[in-house]
Protein backbone atom coordinates (compact mmCIF):
# COMPACT_ATOMS: atom_id res chain seq x y z
CA MET A 1 37.41 13.45 151.21
CA MET A 2 38.94 13.59 148.56
CA GLN A 3 41.92 16.62 148.22
CA ARG A 4 42.27 18.12 144.71
CA ARG A 5 45.06 19.50 143.52
CA GLY A 6 44.93 22.42 141.32
CA ILE A 7 49.02 22.66 140.12
CA SER A 8 48.16 19.54 138.18
CA GLU A 9 44.98 20.70 135.83
CA ILE A 10 46.87 24.35 135.67
CA TYR A 11 49.99 22.40 133.99
CA SER A 12 47.13 19.83 131.89
CA THR A 13 45.52 23.27 130.70
CA ILE A 14 48.86 24.84 129.84
CA MET A 15 49.84 21.51 128.04
CA MET A 16 46.23 21.71 126.25
CA PHE A 17 46.99 25.09 124.85
CA THR A 18 50.52 24.93 124.40
CA VAL A 19 49.31 21.67 122.21
CA ALA A 20 46.75 23.57 120.34
CA LEU A 21 49.31 26.63 119.25
CA ALA A 22 51.51 24.11 117.62
CA ILE A 23 48.83 22.65 115.49
CA ALA A 24 47.66 25.94 114.43
CA GLY A 25 51.10 27.13 113.22
CA ILE A 26 51.90 24.11 111.56
CA VAL A 27 48.54 24.41 109.76
CA ILE A 28 49.09 28.32 109.02
CA ALA A 29 52.24 27.53 107.87
CA ALA A 30 51.24 24.56 105.31
CA SER A 31 48.64 26.83 104.26
CA SER A 32 50.66 29.91 103.72
CA ASN A 33 52.86 27.66 102.01
CA GLN A 34 50.27 26.42 99.19
CA PHE A 35 49.25 29.89 98.83
CA ASN A 36 52.67 31.99 97.78
CA ASN A 37 53.07 27.95 95.69
CA GLN A 38 49.10 29.34 94.08
CA GLN A 39 49.60 32.83 93.98
CA GLN A 40 53.57 31.82 91.90
CA SER A 41 51.22 29.49 89.43
CA ALA A 42 49.23 32.19 88.20
CA TYR A 43 51.55 35.22 87.88
CA GLN A 44 53.20 32.62 85.94
CA MET A 45 50.49 31.78 83.75
CA LEU A 46 49.41 35.51 83.33
CA ASP A 47 53.09 36.54 82.70
CA SER A 48 53.10 34.00 79.45
CA SER A 49 49.56 34.50 78.71
CA GLN A 50 51.41 38.38 78.38
CA LYS A 51 53.73 37.17 76.21
CA ARG A 52 51.72 35.20 73.67
CA MET A 53 49.35 37.80 73.24
CA SER A 54 52.60 40.18 72.27
CA GLU A 55 53.60 37.56 69.00
CA SER A 56 52.09 38.56 66.26
CA VAL A 57 53.15 36.66 62.92
CA SER A 58 52.09 37.89 59.24
CA PHE A 59 52.24 35.71 56.53
CA VAL A 60 53.68 36.12 53.70
CA THR A 61 53.79 33.30 51.48
CA GLY A 62 53.97 29.60 51.59
CA ARG A 63 55.99 26.84 49.30
CA ASP A 64 55.56 23.18 48.48
CA THR A 65 59.17 23.42 46.74
CA GLY A 66 58.76 19.26 46.04
CA THR A 67 61.84 18.98 47.76
CA GLY A 68 60.20 20.54 50.62
CA SER A 69 58.94 23.15 51.97
CA GLU A 70 59.23 27.19 53.35
CA VAL A 71 57.51 30.19 54.69
CA GLU A 72 58.42 33.76 54.28
CA LEU A 73 57.22 35.54 57.25
CA VAL A 74 57.38 38.94 59.05
CA ASN A 75 56.86 39.03 63.18
CA PHE A 76 54.69 42.13 64.21
CA GLY A 77 54.78 41.22 67.65
CA LEU A 78 56.38 43.50 70.33
CA ALA A 79 59.34 41.32 70.70
CA ASN A 80 61.56 38.96 68.65
CA ILE A 81 60.01 35.31 68.72
CA ASN A 82 61.83 32.27 69.78
CA LEU A 83 60.68 28.73 68.39
CA ASP A 84 60.16 25.39 70.10
CA ARG A 85 59.04 23.74 66.94
CA VAL A 86 58.58 23.60 63.37
CA MET A 87 56.04 21.46 62.06
CA VAL A 88 54.53 20.07 58.47
CA ASP A 89 51.32 18.80 57.97
CA ALA A 90 51.42 17.90 62.23
CA VAL A 91 55.10 16.39 62.03
CA ARG A 92 57.42 17.76 63.60
CA GLN A 93 60.85 18.46 61.79
CA GLN A 94 63.96 17.56 63.19
CA SER A 95 65.63 19.98 61.03
CA TYR A 96 64.93 23.20 59.92
CA THR A 97 66.37 26.64 58.89
CA MET A 98 65.73 30.18 59.44
CA THR A 99 67.17 32.84 56.91
CA PHE A 100 66.76 36.38 55.96
CA VAL A 101 66.02 37.19 52.50
CA ASN A 102 69.27 37.68 51.94
CA GLY A 103 70.47 34.21 52.95
CA THR A 104 71.65 35.26 56.51
CA GLN A 105 70.89 32.52 59.12
CA THR A 106 69.39 33.49 62.15
CA GLN A 107 67.93 31.74 65.69
CA PHE A 108 65.30 33.54 66.18
CA LEU A 109 62.18 35.80 64.11
CA PRO A 110 63.31 39.33 64.60
CA VAL A 111 60.92 42.42 65.06
CA LYS A 112 59.65 43.20 61.12
CA GLU A 113 62.41 41.55 59.69
CA PRO A 114 61.46 38.75 56.94
CA VAL A 115 62.18 35.36 57.69
CA ILE A 116 62.36 32.82 55.74
CA ILE A 117 61.60 29.14 57.31
CA SER A 118 62.90 25.75 55.40
CA THR A 119 62.28 22.30 55.65
CA GLY A 120 63.33 19.21 53.70
CA THR A 121 59.82 18.10 54.00
CA SER A 122 57.01 19.18 51.72
CA GLY A 123 53.59 19.37 52.82
CA ALA A 124 50.52 20.88 52.31
CA LYS A 125 50.60 23.49 56.14
CA MET A 126 53.48 24.44 58.03
CA GLN A 127 52.95 25.17 61.64
CA ILE A 128 55.23 27.46 63.85
CA VAL A 129 54.99 26.86 67.84
CA THR A 130 56.80 29.22 69.44
CA THR A 131 58.30 28.82 73.25
CA TYR A 132 55.90 30.80 75.21
CA GLY A 133 52.83 28.33 73.17
CA SER A 134 51.13 30.13 70.72
CA ILE A 135 50.65 28.45 67.79
CA PHE A 136 50.64 29.87 63.67
CA GLU A 137 49.86 27.73 60.44
CA PHE A 138 50.45 28.70 57.64
CA PRO A 139 49.14 27.42 54.01
CA LEU A 140 51.94 25.66 51.64
CA GLN A 141 51.02 26.21 47.58
């Protein structure tokens, strides 16, 4: 007759239960981390989209001066606008200046202040790209 050992069956059941709990814990931790990353990405996307929607630039005039290009703009948005890049005919300009009408230089487009953006490149259109990804295009005459 065969003897059964009840203790080893209890130990094996406890071991299987412990392994199953450990695996479940790892899966839950990984899922939670992935969910948090996606939640942050969604928040960043919504925040950037909201900031882009608050950017409003009004075109006053654009000129091709023969030695370069310039546009006069007014920011009617909710906050100052920082530029990521300025392009003439879709070619990125390495240097450009932004000045108020009185000639004082500025580093951003302030709210409700006319600003002139000048480049040393002639062309038919000037494009500006803001730090939030908005793209504005203006004709040069």
